[in-house]
C-alpha atoms as a PDB file:
ATOM      1  CA  MET A   1      -0.001   0.000   0.000  1.00  0.00           C
ATOM      2  CA  SER A   2       1.361   3.437  -0.916  1.00  0.00           C
ATOM      3  CA  ALA A   3       2.058   6.010   1.770  1.00  0.00           C
ATOM      4  CA  PRO A   4      -0.655   8.614   2.396  1.00  0.00           C
ATOM      5  CA  ILE A   5      -0.215  12.008   0.807  1.00  0.00           C
ATOM      6  CA  LEU A   6      -1.138  13.675   4.129  1.00  0.00           C
ATOM      7  CA  SER A   7      -1.125  12.310   7.664  1.00  0.00           C
ATOM      8  CA  VAL A   8      -1.505  13.993  11.026  1.00  0.00           C
ATOM      9  CA  ARG A   9      -0.965  12.452  14.443  1.00  0.00           C
ATOM     10  CA  ASP A  10      -2.120  13.678  17.863  1.00  0.00           C
ATOM     11  CA  LEU A  11      -2.604  17.147  16.413  1.00  0.00           C
ATOM     12  CA  GLY A  12      -3.800  19.852  18.780  1.00  0.00           C
ATOM     13  CA  LYS A  13      -4.066  23.613  19.098  1.00  0.00           C
ATOM     14  CA  ARG A  14      -4.590  25.660  22.241  1.00  0.00           C
ATOM     15  CA  PHE A  15      -5.197  29.387  22.558  1.00  0.00           C
ATOM     16  CA  GLY A  16      -4.554  30.058  26.232  1.00  0.00           C
ATOM     17  CA  SER A  17      -7.207  28.065  28.072  1.00  0.00           C
ATOM     18  CA  LEU A  18      -9.227  27.456  24.897  1.00  0.00           C
ATOM     19  CA  ILE A  19      -8.670  24.111  23.193  1.00  0.00           C
ATOM     20  CA  ALA A  20      -9.449  24.643  19.507  1.00  0.00           C
ATOM     21  CA  ALA A  21      -8.253  21.240  18.306  1.00  0.00           C
ATOM     22  CA  ARG A  22      -7.271  18.045  20.103  1.00  0.00           C
ATOM     23  CA  ASP A  23      -6.240  14.460  19.460  1.00  0.00           C
ATOM     24  CA  ILE A  24      -6.613  14.599  15.672  1.00  0.00           C
ATOM     25  CA  THR A  25      -5.072  11.541  14.034  1.00  0.00           C
ATOM     26  CA  VAL A  26      -6.044  10.940  10.423  1.00  0.00           C
ATOM     27  CA  SER A  27      -4.471  10.228   7.025  1.00  0.00           C
ATOM     28  CA  PHE A  28      -5.498  10.651   3.404  1.00  0.00           C
ATOM     29  CA  PRO A  29      -4.510   8.685   0.303  1.00  0.00           C
ATOM     30  CA  ALA A  30      -3.605  10.550  -2.854  1.00  0.00           C
ATOM     31  CA  GLN A  31      -6.447  11.727  -5.121  1.00  0.00           C
ATOM     32  CA  GLN A  32      -9.183  11.233  -2.528  1.00  0.00           C
ATOM     33  CA  THR A  33     -11.948  13.842  -2.219  1.00  0.00           C
ATOM     34  CA  VAL A  34     -12.871  14.457   1.422  1.00  0.00           C
ATOM     35  CA  GLY A  35     -15.701  16.559   2.833  1.00  0.00           C
ATOM     36  CA  VAL A  36     -15.114  18.169   6.228  1.00  0.00           C
ATOM     37  CA  ILE A  37     -18.188  19.077   8.287  1.00  0.00           C
ATOM     38  CA  GLY A  38     -18.874  20.518  11.722  1.00  0.00           C
ATOM     39  CA  SER A  39     -20.791  23.252  13.487  1.00  0.00           C
ATOM     40  CA  ASN A  40     -19.432  26.624  14.622  1.00  0.00           C
ATOM     41  CA  GLY A  41     -16.218  26.255  16.597  1.00  0.00           C
ATOM     42  CA  ALA A  42     -15.911  22.542  15.836  1.00  0.00           C
ATOM     43  CA  GLY A  43     -12.232  22.807  14.879  1.00  0.00           C
ATOM     44  CA  LYS A  44     -12.335  22.141  11.151  1.00  0.00           C
ATOM     45  CA  THR A  45     -11.000  25.543  10.087  1.00  0.00           C
ATOM     46  CA  THR A  46      -8.307  25.317  12.775  1.00  0.00           C
ATOM     47  CA  PHE A  47      -7.343  21.936  11.333  1.00  0.00           C
ATOM     48  CA  ILE A  48      -7.025  23.351   7.814  1.00  0.00           C
ATOM     49  CA  ASN A  49      -5.076  26.354   9.076  1.00  0.00           C
ATOM     50  CA  MET A  50      -2.573  24.058  10.802  1.00  0.00           C
ATOM     51  CA  VAL A  51      -2.112  21.870   7.723  1.00  0.00           C
ATOM     52  CA  THR A  52      -1.519  24.912   5.503  1.00  0.00           C
ATOM     53  CA  GLY A  53       0.833  26.669   7.920  1.00  0.00           C
ATOM     54  CA  HIS A  54      -1.463  29.544   8.887  1.00  0.00           C
ATOM     55  CA  LEU A  55      -1.462  28.259  12.475  1.00  0.00           C
ATOM     56  CA  ARG A  56       1.343  26.484  14.316  1.00  0.00           C
ATOM     57  CA  PRO A  57       0.127  23.391  16.213  1.00  0.00           C
ATOM     58  CA  THR A  58       0.567  23.317  19.963  1.00  0.00           C
ATOM     59  CA  HIS A  59       1.439  19.640  19.704  1.00  0.00           C
ATOM     60  CA  GLY A  60       1.342  16.752  17.251  1.00  0.00           C
ATOM     61  CA  ALA A  61       2.828  16.171  13.809  1.00  0.00           C
ATOM     62  CA  ILE A  62       1.837  16.796  10.188  1.00  0.00           C
ATOM     63  CA  HIS A  63       3.453  14.874   7.333  1.00  0.00           C
ATOM     64  CA  PHE A  64       3.001  15.634   3.639  1.00  0.00           C
ATOM     65  CA  GLU A  65       4.328  12.975   1.271  1.00  0.00           C
ATOM     66  CA  GLU A  66       6.286  11.595   4.248  1.00  0.00           C
ATOM     67  CA  ARG A  67       7.991  14.941   4.937  1.00  0.00           C
ATOM     68  CA  ASP A  68       7.455  16.584   8.308  1.00  0.00           C
ATOM     69  CA  ILE A  69       5.867  19.989   7.670  1.00  0.00           C
ATOM     70  CA  THR A  70       4.764  20.684  11.241  1.00  0.00           C
ATOM     71  CA  GLY A  71       4.924  24.409  11.973  1.00  0.00           C
ATOM     72  CA  LEU A  72       6.481  25.407   8.652  1.00  0.00           C
ATOM     73  CA  PRO A  73       5.469  28.821   7.236  1.00  0.00           C
ATOM     74  CA  SER A  74       2.492  28.846   4.883  1.00  0.00           C
ATOM     75  CA  ARG A  75       4.640  30.067   1.971  1.00  0.00           C
ATOM     76  CA  THR A  76       6.999  27.113   2.390  1.00  0.00           C
ATOM     77  CA  ILE A  77       4.109  24.652   2.613  1.00  0.00           C
ATOM     78  CA  LYS A  78       2.522  26.084  -0.531  1.00  0.00           C
ATOM     79  CA  ALA A  79       5.807  25.741  -2.396  1.00  0.00           C
ATOM     80  CA  MET A  80       5.922  22.073  -1.354  1.00  0.00           C
ATOM     81  CA  GLY A  81       2.583  21.376  -3.042  1.00  0.00           C
ATOM     82  CA  ILE A  82      -0.272  22.250  -0.645  1.00  0.00           C
ATOM     83  CA  SER A  83      -2.615  25.036  -1.682  1.00  0.00           C
ATOM     84  CA  ARG A  84      -5.910  26.398  -0.387  1.00  0.00           C
ATOM     85  CA  SER A  85      -8.792  28.709  -1.080  1.00  0.00           C
ATOM     86  CA  PHE A  86     -10.666  30.803   1.467  1.00  0.00           C
ATOM     87  CA  GLN A  87     -14.356  31.289   2.190  1.00  0.00           C
ATOM     88  CA  VAL A  88     -14.080  34.855   0.850  1.00  0.00           C
ATOM     89  CA  ALA A  89     -12.412  34.813  -2.567  1.00  0.00           C
ATOM     90  CA  GLN A  90      -8.823  36.125  -2.386  1.00  0.00           C
ATOM     91  CA  ILE A  91      -8.506  37.867  -5.746  1.00  0.00           C
ATOM     92  CA  PHE A  92      -7.074  41.136  -7.085  1.00  0.00           C
ATOM     93  CA  PRO A  93     -10.198  43.190  -7.886  1.00  0.00           C
ATOM     94  CA  SER A  94      -8.415  45.737 -10.096  1.00  0.00           C
ATOM     95  CA  LEU A  95      -6.948  43.055 -12.380  1.00  0.00           C
ATOM     96  CA  THR A  96      -8.682  41.035 -15.070  1.00  0.00           C
ATOM     97  CA  ALA A  97      -9.492  37.372 -14.522  1.00  0.00           C
ATOM     98  CA  PHE A  98      -6.615  36.480 -16.854  1.00  0.00           C
ATOM     99  CA  ASP A  99      -4.102  38.631 -15.003  1.00  0.00           C
ATOM    100  CA  ASN A 100      -5.248  37.234 -11.639  1.00  0.00           C
ATOM    101  CA  ILE A 101      -4.335  33.729 -12.748  1.00  0.00           C
ATOM    102  CA  CYS A 102      -1.114  34.959 -14.368  1.00  0.00           C
ATOM    103  CA  VAL A 103      -0.061  36.397 -11.000  1.00  0.00           C
ATOM    104  CA  ALA A 104      -0.888  33.140  -9.207  1.00  0.00           C
ATOM    105  CA  ALA A 105       0.892  31.074 -11.864  1.00  0.00           C
ATOM    106  CA  ALA A 106       3.978  33.285 -11.798  1.00  0.00           C
ATOM    107  CA  ILE A 107       4.214  32.988  -8.018  1.00  0.00           C
ATOM    108  CA  GLY A 108       3.549  29.252  -8.149  1.00  0.00           C
ATOM    109  CA  HIS A 109       6.387  28.638 -10.602  1.00  0.00           C
ATOM    110  CA  ALA A 110       8.850  31.181  -9.187  1.00  0.00           C
ATOM    111  CA  PRO A 111      12.198  30.007  -7.777  1.00  0.00           C
ATOM    112  CA  LYS A 112      11.713  29.182  -4.104  1.00  0.00           C
ATOM    113  CA  HIS A 113      13.723  32.069  -2.683  1.00  0.00           C
ATOM    114  CA  PHE A 114      12.971  35.733  -2.037  1.00  0.00           C
ATOM    115  CA  ILE A 115      14.868  37.176  -5.018  1.00  0.00           C
ATOM    116  CA  GLY A 116      13.177  34.657  -7.284  1.00  0.00           C
ATOM    117  CA  HIS A 117       9.743  35.836  -6.158  1.00  0.00           C
ATOM    118  CA  VAL A 118      10.636  39.509  -6.527  1.00  0.00           C
ATOM    119  CA  CYS A 119      12.137  39.144 -10.010  1.00  0.00           C
ATOM    120  CA  THR A 120       9.589  36.731 -11.513  1.00  0.00           C
ATOM    121  CA  PRO A 121       7.806  38.263 -14.545  1.00  0.00           C
ATOM    122  CA  LEU A 122       4.019  38.118 -14.102  1.00  0.00           C
ATOM    123  CA  ARG A 123       3.430  37.430 -17.792  1.00  0.00           C
ATOM    124  CA  SER A 124       6.126  34.886 -18.480  1.00  0.00           C
ATOM    125  CA  ARG A 125       5.427  32.386 -21.248  1.00  0.00           C
ATOM    126  CA  GLU A 126       4.818  29.688 -18.637  1.00  0.00           C
ATOM    127  CA  ALA A 127       2.397  31.839 -16.597  1.00  0.00           C
ATOM    128  CA  VAL A 128       0.433  32.935 -19.656  1.00  0.00           C
ATOM    129  CA  ALA A 129       0.110  29.358 -20.915  1.00  0.00           C
ATOM    130  CA  GLU A 130      -1.107  28.091 -17.542  1.00  0.00           C
ATOM    131  CA  ALA A 131      -3.556  30.977 -17.182  1.00  0.00           C
ATOM    132  CA  GLU A 132      -5.156  30.151 -20.524  1.00  0.00           C
ATOM    133  CA  ILE A 133      -5.468  26.483 -19.558  1.00  0.00           C
ATOM    134  CA  LEU A 134      -6.985  27.233 -16.143  1.00  0.00           C
ATOM    135  CA  LEU A 135      -9.508  29.724 -17.507  1.00  0.00           C
ATOM    136  CA  ASP A 136     -10.799  26.979 -19.795  1.00  0.00           C
ATOM    137  CA  LEU A 137     -10.554  24.259 -17.141  1.00  0.00           C
ATOM    138  CA  PHE A 138     -12.752  26.251 -14.756  1.00  0.00           C
ATOM    139  CA  ALA A 139     -15.146  27.316 -17.522  1.00  0.00           C
ATOM    140  CA  ILE A 140     -14.524  31.054 -17.106  1.00  0.00           C
ATOM    141  CA  GLY A 141     -12.742  31.757 -20.382  1.00  0.00           C
ATOM    142  CA  ARG A 142     -15.416  34.204 -21.517  1.00  0.00           C
ATOM    143  CA  TYR A 143     -14.529  36.398 -18.520  1.00  0.00           C
ATOM    144  CA  ARG A 144     -10.844  36.471 -19.503  1.00  0.00           C
ATOM    145  CA  ASP A 145     -10.609  40.259 -19.893  1.00  0.00           C
ATOM    146  CA  THR A 146     -13.215  41.203 -17.282  1.00  0.00           C
ATOM    147  CA  LEU A 147     -12.090  43.063 -14.154  1.00  0.00           C
ATOM    148  CA  ALA A 148     -12.342  40.735 -11.173  1.00  0.00           C
ATOM    149  CA  ALA A 149     -14.244  43.364  -9.171  1.00  0.00           C
ATOM    150  CA  THR A 150     -17.158  43.113 -11.598  1.00  0.00           C
ATOM    151  CA  LEU A 151     -17.370  39.316 -11.826  1.00  0.00           C
ATOM    152  CA  PRO A 152     -20.482  37.460 -10.606  1.00  0.00           C
ATOM    153  CA  GLN A 153     -20.023  35.738  -7.248  1.00  0.00           C
ATOM    154  CA  GLY A 154     -19.872  32.240  -8.714  1.00  0.00           C
ATOM    155  CA  VAL A 155     -17.225  33.268 -11.230  1.00  0.00           C
ATOM    156  CA  ARG A 156     -15.205  34.922  -8.463  1.00  0.00           C
ATOM    157  CA  LYS A 157     -15.257  31.609  -6.587  1.00  0.00           C
ATOM    158  CA  LEU A 158     -14.113  29.702  -9.656  1.00  0.00           C
ATOM    159  CA  LEU A 159     -11.368  32.256 -10.290  1.00  0.00           C
ATOM    160  CA  ASP A 160     -10.176  31.994  -6.691  1.00  0.00           C
ATOM    161  CA  ILE A 161      -9.985  28.203  -6.867  1.00  0.00           C
ATOM    162  CA  GLY A 162      -8.318  28.397 -10.278  1.00  0.00           C
ATOM    163  CA  MET A 163      -5.673  30.645  -8.748  1.00  0.00           C
ATOM    164  CA  ALA A 164      -5.150  28.121  -5.956  1.00  0.00           C
ATOM    165  CA  VAL A 165      -4.561  25.422  -8.585  1.00  0.00           C
ATOM    166  CA  ALA A 166      -1.938  27.505 -10.416  1.00  0.00           C
ATOM    167  CA  GLY A 167       1.487  26.071  -9.749  1.00  0.00           C
ATOM    168  CA  SER A 168       0.196  22.487  -9.790  1.00  0.00           C
ATOM    169  CA  PRO A 169      -0.436  21.653  -6.119  1.00  0.00           C
ATOM    170  CA  ARG A 170      -0.926  18.002  -5.202  1.00  0.00           C
ATOM    171  CA  LEU A 171      -3.186  18.742  -2.221  1.00  0.00           C
ATOM    172  CA  LEU A 172      -5.875  21.423  -2.204  1.00  0.00           C
ATOM    173  CA  LEU A 173      -7.972  22.555   0.765  1.00  0.00           C
ATOM    174  CA  LEU A 174     -11.168  24.453  -0.020  1.00  0.00           C
ATOM    175  CA  ASP A 175     -12.920  26.498   2.653  1.00  0.00           C
ATOM    176  CA  GLU A 176     -16.684  26.698   1.962  1.00  0.00           C
ATOM    177  CA  PRO A 177     -16.496  26.587  -1.850  1.00  0.00           C
ATOM    178  CA  THR A 178     -20.267  27.123  -2.217  1.00  0.00           C
ATOM    179  CA  SER A 179     -20.587  29.863   0.414  1.00  0.00           C
ATOM    180  CA  GLY A 180     -22.569  32.793  -0.997  1.00  0.00           C
ATOM    181  CA  ILE A 181     -23.609  30.818  -4.078  1.00  0.00           C
ATOM    182  CA  SER A 182     -27.292  30.525  -4.955  1.00  0.00           C
ATOM    183  CA  ILE A 183     -29.105  27.207  -4.687  1.00  0.00           C
ATOM    184  CA  GLU A 184     -29.534  27.234  -8.463  1.00  0.00           C
ATOM    185  CA  GLU A 185     -25.778  27.593  -9.072  1.00  0.00           C
ATOM    186  CA  LYS A 186     -24.119  25.531  -6.343  1.00  0.00           C
ATOM    187  CA  PHE A 187     -24.255  22.082  -7.958  1.00  0.00           C
ATOM    188  CA  ASP A 188     -23.070  23.328 -11.346  1.00  0.00           C
ATOM    189  CA  LEU A 189     -20.224  25.234  -9.673  1.00  0.00           C
ATOM    190  CA  MET A 190     -19.101  22.194  -7.691  1.00  0.00           C
ATOM    191  CA  GLN A 191     -19.311  19.997 -10.769  1.00  0.00           C
ATOM    192  CA  VAL A 192     -16.948  22.356 -12.594  1.00  0.00           C
ATOM    193  CA  VAL A 193     -14.576  22.489  -9.616  1.00  0.00           C
ATOM    194  CA  MET A 194     -14.456  18.753  -8.981  1.00  0.00           C
ATOM    195  CA  SER A 195     -14.113  17.861 -12.655  1.00  0.00           C
ATOM    196  CA  ALA A 196     -11.200  20.284 -12.944  1.00  0.00           C
ATOM    197  CA  LEU A 197      -9.470  18.935  -9.835  1.00  0.00           C
ATOM    198  CA  ARG A 198      -9.967  15.301 -10.854  1.00  0.00           C
ATOM    199  CA  SER A 199      -8.413  16.057 -14.231  1.00  0.00           C
ATOM    200  CA  ARG A 200      -5.352  17.374 -12.385  1.00  0.00           C
ATOM    201  CA  ARG A 201      -5.312  14.362  -9.997  1.00  0.00           C
ATOM    202  CA  ILE A 202      -5.387  16.661  -6.981  1.00  0.00           C
ATOM    203  CA  THR A 203      -6.246  15.384  -3.517  1.00  0.00           C
ATOM    204  CA  VAL A 204      -9.053  17.557  -2.121  1.00  0.00           C
ATOM    205  CA  LEU A 205     -10.317  18.387   1.359  1.00  0.00           C
ATOM    206  CA  PHE A 206     -13.282  20.732   1.310  1.00  0.00           C
ATOM    207  CA  VAL A 207     -15.041  22.304   4.276  1.00  0.00           C
ATOM    208  CA  GLU A 208     -18.751  22.479   3.572  1.00  0.00           C
ATOM    209  CA  HIS A 209     -21.979  23.212   5.437  1.00  0.00           C
ATOM    210  CA  ASP A 210     -24.333  22.027   2.707  1.00  0.00           C
ATOM    211  CA  MET A 211     -24.995  18.321   3.226  1.00  0.00           C
ATOM    212  CA  GLU A 212     -26.360  17.892  -0.293  1.00  0.00           C
ATOM    213  CA  ILE A 213     -23.007  19.054  -1.661  1.00  0.00           C
ATOM    214  CA  VAL A 214     -21.154  16.753   0.736  1.00  0.00           C
ATOM    215  CA  GLU A 215     -23.270  13.730  -0.197  1.00  0.00           C
ATOM    216  CA  ARG A 216     -22.868  14.312  -3.910  1.00  0.00           C
ATOM    217  CA  PHE A 217     -19.196  15.223  -4.212  1.00  0.00           C
ATOM    218  CA  ALA A 218     -17.261  13.679  -1.295  1.00  0.00           C
ATOM    219  CA  GLU A 219     -15.883  10.149  -1.292  1.00  0.00           C
ATOM    220  CA  ARG A 220     -15.248  10.383   2.433  1.00  0.00           C
ATOM    221  CA  VAL A 221     -16.508  12.664   5.197  1.00  0.00           C
ATOM    222  CA  LEU A 222     -14.803  13.801   8.403  1.00  0.00           C
ATOM    223  CA  ALA A 223     -17.118  15.164  11.087  1.00  0.00           C
ATOM    224  CA  PHE A 224     -15.609  17.549  13.641  1.00  0.00           C
ATOM    225  CA  TYR A 225     -17.051  18.376  17.048  1.00  0.00           C
ATOM    226  CA  ASP A 226     -15.423  20.063  20.049  1.00  0.00           C
ATOM    227  CA  GLY A 227     -12.049  20.223  18.316  1.00  0.00           C
ATOM    228  CA  THR A 228     -11.743  16.596  17.279  1.00  0.00           C
ATOM    229  CA  VAL A 229     -12.972  14.071  14.715  1.00  0.00           C
ATOM    230  CA  ILE A 230     -16.072  12.181  15.888  1.00  0.00           C
ATOM    231  CA  ALA A 231     -16.810  10.297  12.653  1.00  0.00           C
ATOM    232  CA  ASP A 232     -14.827   9.335   9.564  1.00  0.00           C
ATOM    233  CA  GLY A 233     -16.230   7.282   6.719  1.00  0.00           C
ATOM    234  CA  THR A 234     -18.270   7.291   3.544  1.00  0.00           C
ATOM    235  CA  PRO A 235     -20.824  10.085   3.217  1.00  0.00           C
ATOM    236  CA  ALA A 236     -23.648   7.639   3.880  1.00  0.00           C
ATOM    237  CA  ALA A 237     -22.010   6.216   6.998  1.00  0.00           C
ATOM    238  CA  THR A 238     -20.869   9.531   8.483  1.00  0.00           C
ATOM    239  CA  LEU A 239     -24.135  11.361   7.876  1.00  0.00           C
ATOM    240  CA  ALA A 240     -26.107   8.440   9.340  1.00  0.00           C
ATOM    241  CA  ASP A 241     -23.954   8.401  12.489  1.00  0.00           C
ATOM    242  CA  ALA A 242     -26.078   9.089  15.570  1.00  0.00           C
ATOM    243  CA  ARG A 243     -23.553  11.502  17.105  1.00  0.00           C
ATOM    244  CA  VAL A 244     -23.207  13.437  13.846  1.00  0.00           C
ATOM    245  CA  GLN A 245     -26.971  13.818  13.591  1.00  0.00           C
ATOM    246  CA  ALA A 246     -27.302  14.789  17.252  1.00  0.00           C
ATOM    247  CA  LEU A 247     -24.391  17.246  17.353  1.00  0.00           C
ATOM    248  CA  ILE A 248     -23.980  18.562  13.806  1.00  0.00           C
ATOM    249  CA  SER A 249     -26.516  17.931  11.075  1.00  0.00           C
ATOM    250  CA  GLY A 250     -29.728  17.138  12.922  1.00  0.00           C
ATOM    251  CA  PRO A 251     -31.975  14.207  12.024  1.00  0.00           C
ATOM    252  CA  LYS A 252     -32.010  13.490   8.333  1.00  0.00           C
ATOM    253  CA  ALA A 253     -35.471  13.483   6.835  1.00  0.00           C
ATOM    254  CA  LYS A 254     -36.173  10.665   4.424  1.00  0.00           C
ATOM    255  CA  GLY A 255     -35.166  11.725   0.929  1.00  0.00           C
ATOM    256  CA  ALA A 256     -33.582  14.991   2.142  1.00  0.00           C
ATOM    257  CA  ALA A 257     -30.171  16.144   3.317  1.00  0.00           C
ATOM    258  CA  GLY A 258     -29.444  17.938   6.535  1.00  0.00           C
ATOM    259  CA  SER A 259     -27.307  21.026   6.927  1.00  0.00           C
ATOM    260  CA  VAL A 260     -24.665  22.336   9.242  1.00  0.00           C
ATOM    261  CA  ALA A 261     -23.698  25.878  10.173  1.00  0.00           C
ATOM    262  CA  ASP A 262     -20.659  27.679   8.815  1.00  0.00           C
ATOM    263  CA  VAL A 263     -17.429  27.919  10.699  1.00  0.00           C
END
């Protein structure tokens, strides 16, 4: 059996007397798509922030492709192949969609030292080629020359995730990819995102409060409560778990999906 792409052991985070995460031990094989659920303050965003280097764990270990990345800076972790998106799209509003992805691609392919980042041309041949590919991959090519500030919300989300994919990460963490998206758009948006990520063979962990999205697009679901994982399995098994229904999603009506609050 091949080694997991990501594994964490006894991971925890404390802020003074507040325990935000505790006793998290879990691993993920390459190319798996994992939904992460939990109510407010459950610890799922803290978990993602520790994996991506935005928070330093209080204790425990994080390994990516068998390399210890515990406590490394987020920039270093991104350069190693872990990328993320945020609940609020992190884009440059005064640039076009094309130039946004060019910037992300240029940074993603820059030499991994300070001078390399400073001197990297934003419209290098490599960055331009990747930007064109990603605009098509995320089905936003017709917005190529549109200022990001004027893009519809769904397109902004797709642009943000496309930027996170620039530089060819092997692991991508998505924070609420359908947040702020209308009911009519959310499934189409996720279909575009997941098809694009599967084509790139990227391992995906996505935080999501919409149980219909989780059921449809996740192969595996982690349920967080009180800073730790209380269930881990297929969507059907996790969402049918009595503790998950009692503490997170509520009882599931026959033929309908439950929901869980944002973090």
